[in-house]
Amino acid sequence: MKDFYQILGISKTASDAEIKSAFRKLAQKYHPDKKGGDEAKFKEVSEAYSVLSDKKKRSQYDMHGSNYNNAGGGQGAGFGGFDFSNFAQGQGFNFNGQNVEFDFGDIFGDVFGGGGARGQARGRDVALDVELTFRESIFGTDRRMLVAKIGVCQTCDGNGGAKGSKTVDCKTCNGKGEIRESRSTFFGNFTSARVCPVCHGRRVVPETPCPTCHGEGVAKQQEEIHVQVPAGVSDGEMIRMPGRGEVAPHGTAGDLYIKLHVRPDKVFTRDGNNLAMQLTIRLSDALLGKDISVTTLDGDEKLHIPAGTTHGDALRIKGRGVPTGRSRGDIIVRMNVEMPKKLSRAAQELVEKLRAEGI
C-alpha cells in the first residue's frame, strides 16, 4: 500500500496549501528534464498529489488507503493512468480521469527557464571583511572603503544609450520584452517564455549603445562605501546594507554584507555586556587593602581593594562596560594575588610573627 502522505513528506492533517507546496518542491526535484531527475519518483509524487489535492478522493483514501477506487478513467496517451495531452500548453495533465492543473511557469520555472518572465533581474550580493580594534567594537566607528563592483554606468546613468541616442524596438524579441522557447520533453513539446536577454524586458534598446557599458546600463567601477559600525558589536557579526551590492543590467541591486572581525585585546575580554580583566596585586595589598588606579577603555578609574581580598575575588567597576542603548555594562576585575617566590630575612621574620598570630 502506498502512503501518499509519506511520499509527499506531509502529515495527514496537512492543508491544501501545504499539499501543493510539498508537490511543487518534489516535482522540481524529480522532474525528468532536470539533471538528476527521476521519472518514477515524479510519477509517484504526481499520483499522490492527484489524490490528496481532491477532497473527495482524499476522503476515500483516508478511509480505505491506496485500495480505494482510483482506477477509473482512460489510460491516456502516455504511460499508464497519465494523459499529458494538455501538458505542453501549461494546462496540467490527466491522471486516471482527473485533470491535475498547475501553474507550470511557477512550478517548473527553474527547469525550463520559464516563470517570472517579466520579473526584474537582481544583482549579486557582495561580501566584505572589516577588521576592528577591540575599542572600535565597543564604542563603534565609521569606515570608508573603495569597493570594485558592478554598478550603474556613470556615462549613461544606467539607460544604456549614448548621449542623445534614440530608442528603437528590440530586434531580438520584436519589442515584446520576452522570447519564447520550445523544448522537446518526454511529455511532448513544452513552450516557455523568458525575459529577452538583449533588452532585459524593456522592449526597446538604444539606437546607439553607450560606449562605456555597451548598452548594458552597468559597468565595473569603484565605489566608496561608508560603513557605520554601531557600538557593542561582536566578532563575526554581519552588517547588511540593502541595495548596495552589484546592479543587474536594467534591474535592481543586490545587498552588501560587511562581516566584522574584532582583534583580541591584551587586557579585556567580552562577557555579554560586561568586560572582564585580571588584576595582579601584592599579598600585602590583599591583606591590608588599598586604593589603586585601573586603566579602562574610558581612561583611569580608581578601584578600592578591601582588606582580606583573596585570590579569584571579583570586584566591579560600574558603567564602564559595553554600551547597550542608554546604559552600559560593567567591568569585572578578578584578583590575582601574587605570592612572593623569595623572602628576605626581615620579611621572613615578619611572616613568622604573622604565623604566630594565627594568620
Protein backbone atom coordinates (compact mmCIF):
# COMPACT_ATOMS: atom_id res chain seq x y z
CA MET A 1 0.00 0.00 0.00
CA LYS A 2 1.30 3.43 -0.95
CA ASP A 3 1.38 6.08 1.72
CA PHE A 4 0.69 9.24 -0.28
CA TYR A 5 1.29 11.44 2.75
CA GLN A 6 4.70 9.90 3.27
CA ILE A 7 5.51 10.23 -0.44
CA LEU A 8 4.88 14.00 -0.25
CA GLY A 9 6.53 14.27 3.16
CA ILE A 10 3.50 15.79 4.89
CA SER A 11 1.24 14.93 7.81
CA LYS A 12 -2.29 13.59 7.48
CA THR A 13 -3.60 16.92 8.74
CA ALA A 14 -1.81 18.92 6.04
CA SER A 15 -3.77 21.78 4.48
CA ASP A 16 -4.38 22.18 0.73
CA ALA A 17 -1.67 24.83 0.58
CA GLU A 18 0.83 22.53 2.32
CA ILE A 19 -0.01 19.69 -0.08
CA LYS A 20 0.53 21.92 -3.10
CA SER A 21 3.75 23.36 -1.69
CA ALA A 22 5.14 19.88 -0.98
CA PHE A 23 4.31 18.71 -4.51
CA ARG A 24 5.96 21.76 -6.08
CA LYS A 25 9.24 21.08 -4.28
CA LEU A 26 9.26 17.39 -5.14
CA ALA A 27 8.17 17.98 -8.76
CA GLN A 28 11.07 20.37 -9.23
CA LYS A 29 13.45 17.86 -7.64
CA TYR A 30 12.38 14.78 -9.62
CA HIS A 31 11.34 16.31 -12.95
CA PRO A 32 12.85 14.08 -15.67
CA ASP A 33 14.08 17.03 -17.73
CA LYS A 34 16.14 18.30 -14.81
CA LYS A 35 19.63 17.00 -14.13
CA GLY A 36 19.36 14.29 -11.51
CA GLY A 37 15.61 13.90 -12.12
CA ASP A 38 13.75 10.64 -11.56
CA GLU A 39 10.80 9.73 -13.81
CA ALA A 40 9.49 7.05 -11.47
CA LYS A 41 9.60 9.37 -8.46
CA PHE A 42 7.96 12.15 -10.46
CA LYS A 43 5.10 9.84 -11.42
CA GLU A 44 4.77 8.75 -7.80
CA VAL A 45 4.53 12.28 -6.33
CA SER A 46 2.15 13.28 -9.16
CA GLU A 47 -0.10 10.35 -8.30
CA ALA A 48 -0.04 11.30 -4.63
CA TYR A 49 -0.89 14.91 -5.41
CA SER A 50 -3.71 13.99 -7.80
CA VAL A 51 -5.40 12.13 -4.94
CA LEU A 52 -4.69 14.35 -1.95
CA SER A 53 -5.50 17.58 -3.78
CA ASP A 54 -9.05 16.36 -4.44
CA LYS A 55 -11.24 16.50 -1.33
CA LYS A 56 -13.45 13.57 -2.35
CA LYS A 57 -10.59 11.28 -3.37
CA ARG A 58 -8.60 12.27 -0.30
CA SER A 59 -11.54 11.35 1.92
CA GLN A 60 -11.85 7.98 0.21
CA TYR A 61 -8.12 7.40 0.52
CA ASP A 62 -8.16 8.27 4.22
CA MET A 63 -10.88 5.65 4.72
CA HIS A 64 -9.60 2.84 2.51
CA GLY A 65 -5.93 3.58 1.84
CA SER A 66 -4.49 3.06 -1.62
CA ASN A 67 -7.03 0.29 -2.34
CA TYR A 68 -9.77 2.86 -2.81
CA ASN A 69 -11.38 3.03 -6.27
CA ASN A 70 -8.95 5.18 -8.19
CA ALA A 71 -8.73 3.00 -11.26
CA GLY A 72 -11.41 4.74 -13.27
CA GLY A 73 -10.85 6.78 -16.38
CA GLY A 74 -8.94 6.11 -19.57
CA GLN A 75 -5.34 5.11 -19.75
CA GLY A 76 -4.41 8.30 -21.53
CA ALA A 77 -1.83 8.83 -24.21
CA GLY A 78 1.32 8.24 -22.19
CA PHE A 79 2.29 5.77 -19.51
CA GLY A 80 -0.44 4.06 -17.51
CA GLY A 81 -3.02 6.40 -15.99
CA PHE A 82 -1.38 9.65 -17.19
CA ASP A 83 -2.62 11.77 -20.06
CA PHE A 84 -0.28 14.67 -20.81
CA SER A 85 -2.11 15.91 -23.91
CA ASN A 86 -2.55 19.37 -22.32
CA PHE A 87 0.84 19.49 -20.64
CA ALA A 88 2.64 21.40 -23.39
CA GLN A 89 0.01 24.13 -23.22
CA GLY A 90 0.63 24.52 -19.47
CA GLN A 91 -2.86 23.21 -18.61
CA GLY A 92 -1.75 20.37 -16.38
CA PHE A 93 -2.33 16.68 -17.13
CA ASN A 94 -4.89 13.94 -16.61
CA PHE A 95 -4.30 11.16 -14.13
CA ASN A 96 -6.83 8.29 -14.11
CA GLY A 97 -9.56 10.56 -15.36
CA GLN A 98 -8.79 13.50 -13.07
CA ASN A 99 -7.41 16.73 -14.52
CA VAL A 100 -4.46 17.89 -12.42
CA GLU A 101 -3.79 21.59 -13.02
CA PHE A 102 -0.68 23.54 -12.09
CA ASP A 103 0.95 26.83 -12.79
CA PHE A 104 3.87 25.29 -14.64
CA GLY A 105 5.60 28.62 -15.06
CA ASP A 106 5.77 28.69 -11.27
CA ILE A 107 6.44 25.02 -10.55
CA PHE A 108 8.95 24.29 -13.31
CA GLY A 109 10.41 27.76 -13.72
CA ASP A 110 13.90 26.66 -12.74
CA VAL A 111 13.72 23.62 -15.04
CA PHE A 112 12.59 25.24 -18.27
CA GLY A 113 13.66 28.84 -17.67
CA GLY A 114 10.05 29.99 -17.58
CA GLY A 115 8.13 31.66 -14.78
CA GLY A 116 8.59 35.25 -13.76
CA ALA A 117 9.44 36.17 -17.36
CA ARG A 118 8.67 39.80 -16.71
CA GLY A 119 10.40 39.90 -13.34
CA GLN A 120 13.25 42.31 -12.80
CA ALA A 121 16.72 40.82 -12.55
CA ARG A 122 18.60 41.26 -9.28
CA GLY A 123 22.31 41.87 -8.98
CA ARG A 124 24.70 39.76 -6.95
CA ASP A 125 25.26 40.25 -3.26
CA VAL A 126 28.71 41.45 -2.24
CA ALA A 127 30.54 40.41 0.94
CA LEU A 128 33.39 42.36 2.57
CA ASP A 129 35.51 41.72 5.65
CA VAL A 130 36.33 44.57 8.04
CA GLU A 131 38.80 44.29 10.91
CA LEU A 132 38.14 46.31 14.07
CA THR A 133 40.16 47.04 17.15
CA PHE A 134 38.61 45.94 20.43
CA ARG A 135 37.91 49.55 21.34
CA GLU A 136 36.16 50.18 18.00
CA SER A 137 33.92 47.18 18.60
CA ILE A 138 32.88 48.58 21.98
CA PHE A 139 32.26 52.22 21.05
CA GLY A 140 31.53 51.90 17.32
CA THR A 141 33.29 53.57 14.41
CA ASP A 142 32.90 54.80 10.84
CA ARG A 143 34.77 53.22 7.97
CA ARG A 144 35.12 54.35 4.37
CA MET A 145 36.45 51.96 1.75
CA LEU A 146 36.69 51.65 -2.01
CA VAL A 147 34.87 48.63 -3.43
CA ALA A 148 35.24 47.41 -7.02
CA LYS A 149 31.84 46.15 -8.16
CA ILE A 150 29.33 46.33 -10.99
CA GLY A 151 27.23 49.46 -10.60
CA VAL A 152 25.09 51.85 -12.60
CA CYS A 153 27.07 53.16 -15.55
CA GLN A 154 28.14 56.73 -14.84
CA THR A 155 28.36 57.63 -18.54
CA CYS A 156 24.73 56.90 -19.47
CA ASP A 157 23.19 56.93 -15.95
CA GLY A 158 22.04 53.37 -16.48
CA ASN A 159 19.90 53.80 -19.61
CA GLY A 160 22.44 52.04 -21.86
CA GLY A 161 22.40 54.62 -24.64
CA ALA A 162 24.98 57.06 -25.91
CA LYS A 163 24.31 60.70 -25.20
CA GLY A 164 21.37 61.90 -27.32
CA SER A 165 20.65 58.42 -28.68
CA LYS A 166 17.06 57.46 -29.51
CA THR A 167 15.45 54.13 -28.63
CA VAL A 168 14.20 51.57 -31.12
CA ASP A 169 12.25 48.33 -30.78
CA CYS A 170 14.41 45.39 -29.78
CA LYS A 171 15.01 43.20 -32.81
CA THR A 172 15.63 40.08 -30.73
CA CYS A 173 12.14 39.98 -29.22
CA ASN A 174 10.40 42.28 -31.76
CA GLY A 175 9.50 44.69 -28.98
CA LYS A 176 7.73 42.04 -26.86
CA GLY A 177 10.17 42.11 -23.95
CA GLU A 178 10.32 38.33 -23.84
CA ILE A 179 11.19 35.42 -26.08
CA ARG A 180 9.51 32.05 -26.28
CA GLU A 181 11.35 28.78 -26.40
CA SER A 182 10.02 25.37 -27.35
CA ARG A 183 11.71 22.33 -25.87
CA SER A 184 11.10 18.69 -26.56
CA THR A 185 10.50 16.63 -23.42
CA PHE A 186 9.27 13.09 -22.84
CA PHE A 187 5.86 14.71 -22.23
CA GLY A 188 5.93 16.36 -25.66
CA ASN A 189 6.87 19.89 -26.74
CA PHE A 190 6.86 22.43 -23.96
CA THR A 191 6.79 26.17 -24.67
CA SER A 192 8.09 28.65 -22.12
CA ALA A 193 8.81 32.37 -22.04
CA ARG A 194 11.77 34.20 -20.58
CA VAL A 195 12.97 37.77 -20.39
CA CYS A 196 14.71 38.94 -23.55
CA PRO A 197 18.48 38.84 -22.86
CA VAL A 198 19.09 41.87 -25.07
CA CYS A 199 16.55 44.45 -23.90
CA HIS A 200 16.05 42.81 -20.46
CA GLY A 201 12.28 43.09 -20.78
CA ARG A 202 12.23 46.82 -21.62
CA ARG A 203 11.10 46.12 -25.24
CA VAL A 204 13.32 48.88 -26.59
CA VAL A 205 17.07 49.34 -26.93
CA PRO A 206 19.16 52.45 -27.58
CA GLU A 207 19.85 53.11 -31.24
CA THR A 208 23.46 53.89 -30.33
CA PRO A 209 24.77 51.93 -27.34
CA CYS A 210 26.74 53.64 -24.60
CA PRO A 211 30.48 53.37 -25.34
CA THR A 212 31.26 52.53 -21.72
CA CYS A 213 28.71 49.82 -20.87
CA HIS A 214 27.81 48.79 -24.46
CA GLY A 215 24.11 49.17 -23.77
CA GLU A 216 24.01 47.12 -20.55
CA GLY A 217 23.48 50.12 -18.27
CA VAL A 218 26.02 48.78 -15.78
CA ALA A 219 29.81 48.77 -15.66
CA LYS A 220 32.64 47.67 -13.40
CA GLN A 221 33.72 50.59 -11.26
CA GLN A 222 34.98 51.63 -7.85
CA GLU A 223 32.53 52.96 -5.31
CA GLU A 224 33.23 54.49 -1.92
CA ILE A 225 31.25 52.72 0.79
CA HIS A 226 30.59 54.42 4.12
CA VAL A 227 30.02 51.85 6.86
CA GLN A 228 28.72 52.92 10.26
CA VAL A 229 29.68 50.27 12.80
CA PRO A 230 27.38 50.54 15.84
CA ALA A 231 28.65 50.30 19.42
CA GLY A 232 28.81 46.92 21.09
CA VAL A 233 29.32 44.66 18.07
CA SER A 234 30.90 41.23 18.48
CA ASP A 235 33.39 39.27 16.46
CA GLY A 236 31.74 37.58 13.46
CA GLU A 237 28.69 39.86 13.33
CA MET A 238 27.31 40.85 9.92
CA ILE A 239 26.06 44.25 8.82
CA ARG A 240 23.63 44.18 5.87
CA MET A 241 23.38 47.19 3.57
CA PRO A 242 20.33 46.65 1.28
CA GLY A 243 20.75 47.70 -2.34
CA ARG A 244 24.49 48.37 -2.06
CA GLY A 245 25.61 45.21 -3.86
CA GLU A 246 26.11 44.75 -7.60
CA VAL A 247 23.48 46.03 -10.03
CA ALA A 248 21.94 43.76 -12.68
CA PRO A 249 21.63 45.14 -16.23
CA HIS A 250 18.46 47.29 -16.20
CA GLY A 251 17.49 45.59 -12.95
CA THR A 252 17.87 46.01 -9.21
CA ALA A 253 20.88 45.87 -6.93
CA GLY A 254 21.84 43.09 -4.56
CA ASP A 255 22.86 43.66 -0.96
CA LEU A 256 26.22 44.39 0.63
CA TYR A 257 27.25 42.31 3.65
CA ILE A 258 30.00 43.50 5.98
CA LYS A 259 31.49 40.79 8.19
CA LEU A 260 33.21 42.18 11.28
CA HIS A 261 36.41 40.74 12.73
CA VAL A 262 37.44 42.04 16.17
CA ARG A 263 41.09 41.86 17.17
CA PRO A 264 41.59 40.45 20.69
CA ASP A 265 42.59 42.90 23.42
CA LYS A 266 45.59 42.31 25.71
CA VAL A 267 43.63 43.27 28.84
CA PHE A 268 39.88 42.90 28.28
CA THR A 269 37.56 40.13 27.10
CA ARG A 270 33.81 40.28 26.44
CA ASP A 271 31.37 38.66 28.86
CA GLY A 272 27.99 39.63 27.42
CA ASN A 273 27.63 43.34 28.08
CA ASN A 274 30.39 43.27 30.67
CA LEU A 275 34.14 43.45 30.21
CA ALA A 276 36.38 41.12 32.18
CA MET A 277 40.00 41.64 33.19
CA GLN A 278 42.63 40.20 35.51
CA LEU A 279 44.42 42.43 38.05
CA THR A 280 47.58 41.25 39.75
CA ILE A 281 48.07 42.63 43.31
CA ARG A 282 50.64 42.05 46.02
CA LEU A 283 49.93 39.86 49.01
CA SER A 284 50.28 42.82 51.38
CA ASP A 285 47.68 44.80 49.39
CA ALA A 286 45.32 41.83 49.55
CA LEU A 287 45.78 41.55 53.32
CA LEU A 288 45.66 45.24 54.20
CA GLY A 289 43.58 46.67 51.34
CA LYS A 290 44.48 49.53 49.03
CA ASP A 291 43.11 52.10 46.57
CA ILE A 292 44.70 51.64 43.15
CA SER A 293 44.29 53.14 39.66
CA VAL A 294 42.98 50.81 36.92
CA THR A 295 43.25 51.65 33.22
CA THR A 296 39.92 51.16 31.40
CA LEU A 297 38.75 51.92 27.86
CA ASP A 298 37.48 55.27 29.21
CA GLY A 299 40.72 56.15 31.00
CA ASP A 300 41.97 55.58 34.54
CA GLU A 301 39.46 54.61 37.23
CA LYS A 302 40.03 54.26 41.00
CA LEU A 303 39.37 50.83 42.46
CA HIS A 304 39.23 50.09 46.19
CA ILE A 305 40.67 46.72 47.16
CA PRO A 306 39.21 45.80 50.53
CA ALA A 307 41.37 44.23 53.23
CA GLY A 308 41.27 40.46 53.24
CA THR A 309 40.82 40.11 49.46
CA THR A 310 41.60 36.56 48.32
CA HIS A 311 42.83 35.18 45.04
CA GLY A 312 40.00 34.95 42.48
CA ASP A 313 37.73 37.52 44.15
CA ALA A 314 35.84 39.74 41.68
CA LEU A 315 35.38 43.48 42.04
CA ARG A 316 33.14 45.61 39.86
CA ILE A 317 33.64 48.96 38.14
CA LYS A 318 30.12 50.04 37.22
CA GLY A 319 29.12 51.66 33.94
CA ARG A 320 32.40 51.13 32.09
CA GLY A 321 31.45 48.05 30.08
CA VAL A 322 29.72 47.59 26.71
CA PRO A 323 27.15 50.25 25.70
CA THR A 324 23.59 48.90 25.47
CA GLY A 325 21.20 51.65 24.47
CA ARG A 326 21.30 54.33 27.15
CA SER A 327 23.14 52.17 29.68
CA ARG A 328 26.40 50.29 29.83
CA GLY A 329 27.64 47.07 31.32
CA ASP A 330 30.33 46.87 34.00
CA ILE A 331 33.97 45.86 34.20
CA ILE A 332 34.52 42.72 36.25
CA VAL A 333 38.00 42.78 37.80
CA ARG A 334 39.28 39.43 39.04
CA MET A 335 42.05 39.49 41.63
CA ASN A 336 45.26 37.64 41.03
CA VAL A 337 47.13 37.70 44.34
CA GLU A 338 50.82 37.39 43.60
CA MET A 339 52.72 35.25 46.10
CA PRO A 340 56.36 36.17 46.71
CA LYS A 341 58.76 33.50 45.47
CA LYS A 342 61.61 34.56 47.74
CA LEU A 343 61.60 36.34 51.11
CA SER A 344 64.33 38.44 52.69
CA ARG A 345 65.39 37.58 56.25
CA ALA A 346 63.44 40.56 57.60
CA ALA A 347 60.33 39.59 55.63
CA GLN A 348 60.63 36.01 56.78
CA GLU A 349 60.77 37.11 60.38
CA LEU A 350 57.62 39.19 59.89
CA VAL A 351 55.81 36.27 58.33
CA GLU A 352 56.88 34.09 61.25
CA LYS A 353 55.29 36.61 63.58
CA LEU A 354 52.10 36.54 61.47
CA ARG A 355 52.03 32.78 61.73
CA ALA A 356 52.47 33.04 65.46
CA GLU A 357 49.41 35.31 65.46
CA GLY A 358 47.45 32.61 63.64
CA ILE A 359 47.43 34.40 60.28
